[in-house]
């Protein structure tokens, strides 16, 4: 390798290491505070390593039923919403990938327009109200059933599959639905896993939709409950549990809730990483 090539590799290594540290340090700080005592947090002694180790912050949030309820709502939305997303996206991407579908280009143009122009909040609210989805979990799933960006990626993957597979299935008498279910989808695990991860993370981290369209606190997802705790210092039931407990800090409880909200995605990601990398490469293929 030439000297310029080596210098470029060294520069990339140093630059990416710095960027990685900048991303990891805030997470370590949050994690350290969640395991630190109230005295250490109030004194500003906690940086990247916990001071005066304690699990009291996690005991408080685990005893708060409102956080457990919000966690369950987020799990239902993430699992059920991701399943709906994948079914709807694949059902639309497959016909748009077939050359014999004559109006596919027109449909693709309409979908592309939705990526550029989006409906304002008030018309969107009126549509959802007329569909009777206010204060229901459906409002967190149905309006975002298909992402245009994910649709184009999945369509590109379907287009890249050999057309002979579809032709052979048709010769054997398979319907279009059977062809997609038995031939296309088994070969599409990388893109399905990637899109599933995209959708799952989006559902898990979403709070703005619930903030606009849900007033029933029993239907609050975890991120909206977390927003209340972090921004308005509203600890709810956890706040009542703090009364008379000197060794518990509201800041420590806030950090513990943040850790609990991030932990599921961190656990799931390593199992989907190999599919995630393969699926991301699909987006670079021009079709």
Protein backbone atom coordinates (compact mmCIF):
# COMPACT_ATOMS: atom_id res chain seq x y z
CA UNK A 1 0.00 0.00 0.00
CA UNK A 2 1.25 3.48 -0.82
CA UNK A 3 2.09 6.09 1.80
CA UNK A 4 -1.03 8.08 0.91
CA UNK A 5 -3.17 4.98 1.33
CA UNK A 6 -1.66 4.25 4.75
CA UNK A 7 -2.15 7.85 5.87
CA UNK A 8 -5.76 7.70 4.71
CA UNK A 9 -6.36 4.49 6.69
CA UNK A 10 -4.73 5.98 9.79
CA UNK A 11 -6.83 9.13 9.45
CA UNK A 12 -10.04 7.09 9.10
CA UNK A 13 -9.11 4.95 12.11
CA UNK A 14 -8.38 7.96 14.33
CA UNK A 15 -11.41 9.91 13.12
CA UNK A 16 -13.86 7.01 13.58
CA UNK A 17 -12.37 6.23 17.00
CA UNK A 18 -12.99 9.82 18.11
CA UNK A 19 -16.55 9.75 16.73
CA UNK A 20 -17.19 6.40 18.45
CA UNK A 21 -15.95 7.76 21.78
CA UNK A 22 -18.11 10.86 21.44
CA UNK A 23 -21.12 8.58 20.97
CA UNK A 24 -20.24 6.17 23.78
CA UNK A 25 -19.31 8.72 26.48
CA UNK A 26 -22.87 10.10 26.94
CA UNK A 27 -24.21 6.56 27.23
CA UNK A 28 -21.59 5.71 29.85
CA UNK A 29 -22.45 8.89 31.74
CA UNK A 30 -26.15 8.01 31.81
CA UNK A 31 -25.36 4.45 32.86
CA UNK A 32 -23.01 5.66 35.60
CA UNK A 33 -25.61 8.03 37.04
CA UNK A 34 -28.25 5.31 37.08
CA UNK A 35 -26.06 3.21 39.39
CA UNK A 36 -24.80 6.09 41.59
CA UNK A 37 -26.08 7.36 44.92
CA UNK A 38 -27.98 10.61 45.30
CA UNK A 39 -25.11 12.23 47.22
CA UNK A 40 -22.64 11.53 44.41
CA UNK A 41 -25.07 12.77 41.74
CA UNK A 42 -25.94 15.97 43.62
CA UNK A 43 -22.25 16.67 44.30
CA UNK A 44 -21.42 16.30 40.59
CA UNK A 45 -18.94 13.49 41.20
CA UNK A 46 -20.34 11.08 38.59
CA UNK A 47 -18.62 11.13 35.20
CA UNK A 48 -18.14 7.80 33.39
CA UNK A 49 -17.89 5.44 36.37
CA UNK A 50 -20.60 4.96 39.03
CA UNK A 51 -19.86 6.46 42.44
CA UNK A 52 -21.24 4.75 45.56
CA UNK A 53 -22.83 1.83 43.67
CA UNK A 54 -26.53 1.36 44.29
CA UNK A 55 -29.52 -0.30 42.62
CA UNK A 56 -32.10 1.83 44.40
CA UNK A 57 -32.91 3.82 41.25
CA UNK A 58 -33.89 0.66 39.39
CA UNK A 59 -35.86 -0.61 42.40
CA UNK A 60 -37.92 2.58 42.33
CA UNK A 61 -38.82 2.40 38.62
CA UNK A 62 -39.47 -1.35 38.77
CA UNK A 63 -41.98 -0.65 41.55
CA UNK A 64 -43.73 2.00 39.41
CA UNK A 65 -46.70 0.40 37.65
CA UNK A 66 -47.09 3.35 35.25
CA UNK A 67 -43.64 2.67 33.79
CA UNK A 68 -44.40 -1.04 33.45
CA UNK A 69 -47.68 -0.20 31.72
CA UNK A 70 -45.92 2.17 29.33
CA UNK A 71 -43.26 -0.48 28.68
CA UNK A 72 -45.96 -3.03 27.81
CA UNK A 73 -47.64 -0.54 25.44
CA UNK A 74 -44.31 0.05 23.67
CA UNK A 75 -43.73 -3.70 23.33
CA UNK A 76 -47.20 -4.21 21.82
CA UNK A 77 -46.73 -1.32 19.40
CA UNK A 78 -43.24 -2.43 18.40
CA UNK A 79 -44.07 -6.11 17.83
CA UNK A 80 -47.52 -5.67 16.30
CA UNK A 81 -46.63 -2.52 14.38
CA UNK A 82 -43.46 -4.04 12.90
CA UNK A 83 -45.42 -7.11 11.74
CA UNK A 84 -48.01 -4.87 10.05
CA UNK A 85 -45.25 -2.73 8.52
CA UNK A 86 -43.46 -5.72 6.98
CA UNK A 87 -46.68 -7.26 5.63
CA UNK A 88 -47.89 -4.00 4.09
CA UNK A 89 -44.50 -2.97 2.70
CA UNK A 90 -43.80 -6.37 1.14
CA UNK A 91 -47.32 -6.56 -0.29
CA UNK A 92 -46.81 -3.25 -2.10
CA UNK A 93 -43.13 -3.68 -2.99
CA UNK A 94 -43.62 -7.02 -4.74
CA UNK A 95 -46.11 -5.89 -7.45
CA UNK A 96 -44.10 -2.69 -7.96
CA UNK A 97 -41.04 -4.84 -8.68
CA UNK A 98 -42.74 -6.84 -11.47
CA UNK A 99 -42.25 -5.46 -15.01
CA UNK A 100 -45.64 -6.76 -16.16
CA UNK A 101 -47.42 -4.37 -13.76
CA UNK A 102 -48.11 -1.62 -16.30
CA UNK A 103 -48.84 1.32 -13.99
CA UNK A 104 -46.02 0.66 -11.53
CA UNK A 105 -44.13 3.81 -12.61
CA UNK A 106 -47.15 5.99 -11.93
CA UNK A 107 -47.58 4.46 -8.47
CA UNK A 108 -43.88 4.95 -7.75
CA UNK A 109 -44.15 8.63 -8.67
CA UNK A 110 -47.06 9.10 -6.27
CA UNK A 111 -45.07 7.35 -3.52
CA UNK A 112 -42.04 9.51 -4.27
CA UNK A 113 -44.18 12.65 -3.90
CA UNK A 114 -45.08 11.59 -0.35
CA UNK A 115 -41.37 11.62 0.50
CA UNK A 116 -41.09 15.25 -0.60
CA UNK A 117 -44.44 16.68 0.52
CA UNK A 118 -46.04 15.60 3.79
CA UNK A 119 -49.45 16.47 5.20
CA UNK A 120 -49.48 19.21 7.88
CA UNK A 121 -50.44 18.34 11.43
CA UNK A 122 -53.97 19.77 11.45
CA UNK A 123 -55.26 17.96 8.30
CA UNK A 124 -53.56 14.82 9.57
CA UNK A 125 -55.32 15.23 12.91
CA UNK A 126 -58.72 15.71 11.25
CA UNK A 127 -58.27 12.58 9.13
CA UNK A 128 -57.32 10.48 12.15
CA UNK A 129 -60.23 11.94 14.13
CA UNK A 130 -62.71 11.06 11.36
CA UNK A 131 -61.30 7.53 11.29
CA UNK A 132 -62.03 7.27 15.05
CA UNK A 133 -58.43 6.39 15.89
CA UNK A 134 -57.86 9.07 18.54
CA UNK A 135 -56.87 7.63 21.92
CA UNK A 136 -56.30 4.18 20.46
CA UNK A 137 -53.15 2.21 19.81
CA UNK A 138 -54.11 1.98 16.13
CA UNK A 139 -53.08 5.60 15.65
CA UNK A 140 -49.51 4.57 16.46
CA UNK A 141 -49.50 1.80 13.84
CA UNK A 142 -51.87 2.38 10.90
CA UNK A 143 -50.79 5.88 9.67
CA UNK A 144 -47.16 4.72 9.51
CA UNK A 145 -47.88 1.27 8.09
CA UNK A 146 -45.66 1.87 5.03
CA UNK A 147 -42.50 3.94 4.86
CA UNK A 148 -41.73 5.18 1.35
CA UNK A 149 -37.98 4.95 1.95
CA UNK A 150 -38.18 1.36 3.19
CA UNK A 151 -40.54 0.52 0.33
CA UNK A 152 -37.98 1.59 -2.28
CA UNK A 153 -35.25 -0.45 -0.59
CA UNK A 154 -37.41 -3.57 -0.44
CA UNK A 155 -38.52 -3.10 -4.05
CA UNK A 156 -34.87 -2.84 -5.14
CA UNK A 157 -34.16 -6.14 -3.41
CA UNK A 158 -37.11 -7.85 -5.12
CA UNK A 159 -36.03 -6.49 -8.52
CA UNK A 160 -32.53 -7.92 -8.01
CA UNK A 161 -33.90 -11.45 -7.53
CA UNK A 162 -33.78 -13.68 -10.66
CA UNK A 163 -36.96 -13.34 -12.71
CA UNK A 164 -36.72 -17.07 -13.58
CA UNK A 165 -37.80 -17.92 -10.03
CA UNK A 166 -41.12 -16.14 -10.52
CA UNK A 167 -41.57 -17.64 -14.00
CA UNK A 168 -40.97 -21.18 -12.73
CA UNK A 169 -43.47 -20.68 -9.91
CA UNK A 170 -46.08 -19.48 -12.38
CA UNK A 171 -45.45 -22.46 -14.64
CA UNK A 172 -46.11 -24.70 -11.64
CA UNK A 173 -49.46 -22.97 -11.19
CA UNK A 174 -48.64 -20.83 -8.16
CA UNK A 175 -50.66 -17.68 -7.64
CA UNK A 176 -48.98 -14.31 -7.11
CA UNK A 177 -49.61 -14.51 -3.38
CA UNK A 178 -48.17 -18.02 -3.20
CA UNK A 179 -45.19 -16.94 -5.29
CA UNK A 180 -44.42 -14.06 -2.96
CA UNK A 181 -44.93 -16.13 0.20
CA UNK A 182 -43.13 -19.34 -0.86
CA UNK A 183 -40.48 -18.05 -3.28
CA UNK A 184 -39.72 -14.36 -2.78
CA UNK A 185 -39.94 -13.91 0.99
CA UNK A 186 -37.73 -16.92 1.93
CA UNK A 187 -34.99 -15.36 -0.20
CA UNK A 188 -35.53 -11.92 1.30
CA UNK A 189 -34.46 -12.50 4.90
CA UNK A 190 -31.70 -9.84 4.81
CA UNK A 191 -33.96 -7.04 3.62
CA UNK A 192 -36.86 -8.18 5.82
CA UNK A 193 -34.60 -8.19 8.89
CA UNK A 194 -33.22 -4.77 7.98
CA UNK A 195 -36.63 -3.23 7.39
CA UNK A 196 -37.92 -4.92 10.53
CA UNK A 197 -35.12 -3.34 12.53
CA UNK A 198 -35.82 0.07 10.99
CA UNK A 199 -39.52 -0.17 11.76
CA UNK A 200 -38.99 -1.60 15.26
CA UNK A 201 -36.57 1.16 16.27
CA UNK A 202 -38.95 3.77 14.84
CA UNK A 203 -41.90 2.39 16.83
CA UNK A 204 -39.87 1.99 20.01
CA UNK A 205 -38.46 5.54 19.90
CA UNK A 206 -41.63 7.27 18.71
CA UNK A 207 -43.34 9.66 21.09
CA UNK A 208 -44.56 12.59 18.93
CA UNK A 209 -47.50 10.63 17.47
CA UNK A 210 -48.68 9.61 20.93
CA UNK A 211 -48.14 13.18 22.15
CA UNK A 212 -50.45 14.57 19.44
CA UNK A 213 -53.17 11.94 19.28
CA UNK A 214 -53.37 10.20 22.68
CA UNK A 215 -54.73 11.83 25.84
CA UNK A 216 -55.34 8.65 27.80
CA UNK A 217 -52.33 8.21 30.07
CA UNK A 218 -52.99 4.47 30.26
CA UNK A 219 -52.04 4.26 26.55
CA UNK A 220 -48.82 6.26 26.83
CA UNK A 221 -45.82 4.42 25.35
CA UNK A 222 -42.56 4.27 27.27
CA UNK A 223 -40.88 7.08 25.34
CA UNK A 224 -43.70 9.51 26.09
CA UNK A 225 -43.57 8.55 29.76
CA UNK A 226 -39.81 9.03 29.64
CA UNK A 227 -40.30 12.46 28.08
CA UNK A 228 -42.51 13.48 30.99
CA UNK A 229 -39.91 12.33 33.48
CA UNK A 230 -36.94 14.00 31.79
CA UNK A 231 -38.48 17.32 30.66
CA UNK A 232 -41.06 18.12 33.31
CA UNK A 233 -39.50 16.11 36.17
CA UNK A 234 -42.88 14.38 36.52
CA UNK A 235 -41.98 11.12 38.22
CA UNK A 236 -45.62 10.15 38.77
CA UNK A 237 -45.89 7.07 40.98
CA UNK A 238 -42.11 6.90 41.14
CA UNK A 239 -42.15 10.37 42.68
CA UNK A 240 -44.40 9.19 45.50
CA UNK A 241 -42.02 6.32 46.08
CA UNK A 242 -39.16 8.82 46.54
CA UNK A 243 -40.82 10.56 49.47
CA UNK A 244 -38.95 9.84 52.66
CA UNK A 245 -36.16 7.99 50.85
CA UNK A 246 -33.02 10.12 51.22
CA UNK A 247 -30.69 7.90 49.19
CA UNK A 248 -32.72 8.25 45.98
CA UNK A 249 -32.21 11.11 43.53
CA UNK A 250 -34.78 12.12 40.88
CA UNK A 251 -31.89 12.52 38.41
CA UNK A 252 -30.80 8.95 39.13
CA UNK A 253 -34.32 7.68 38.51
CA UNK A 254 -34.44 9.60 35.22
CA UNK A 255 -31.18 8.01 34.06
CA UNK A 256 -32.41 4.56 35.07
CA UNK A 257 -35.57 4.99 32.99
CA UNK A 258 -33.43 6.04 29.99
CA UNK A 259 -31.31 2.88 30.37
CA UNK A 260 -34.41 0.67 30.58
CA UNK A 261 -35.86 2.28 27.43
CA UNK A 262 -32.66 1.78 25.41
CA UNK A 263 -31.78 -1.72 26.64
CA UNK A 264 -34.24 -3.77 24.49
CA UNK A 265 -32.92 -2.34 21.20
CA UNK A 266 -29.32 -2.91 22.31
CA UNK A 267 -30.15 -6.54 23.10
CA UNK A 268 -31.94 -7.21 19.80
CA UNK A 269 -29.49 -5.48 17.45
CA UNK A 270 -26.57 -8.00 17.64
CA UNK A 271 -28.87 -10.81 16.49
CA UNK A 272 -29.90 -8.85 13.38
CA UNK A 273 -26.55 -7.23 12.59
CA UNK A 274 -25.52 -9.66 9.83
CA UNK A 275 -28.86 -9.19 8.06
CA UNK A 276 -28.72 -5.45 8.68
CA UNK A 277 -25.41 -5.07 6.82
CA UNK A 278 -26.61 -7.14 3.86
CA UNK A 279 -29.89 -5.26 3.66
CA UNK A 280 -28.21 -1.86 3.76
CA UNK A 281 -26.16 -2.78 0.69
CA UNK A 282 -29.40 -3.15 -1.25
CA UNK A 283 -29.99 0.60 -1.07
CA UNK A 284 -26.83 1.23 -3.09
CA UNK A 285 -28.04 -0.82 -6.07
CA UNK A 286 -29.61 1.27 -8.81
CA UNK A 287 -32.59 -0.37 -10.49
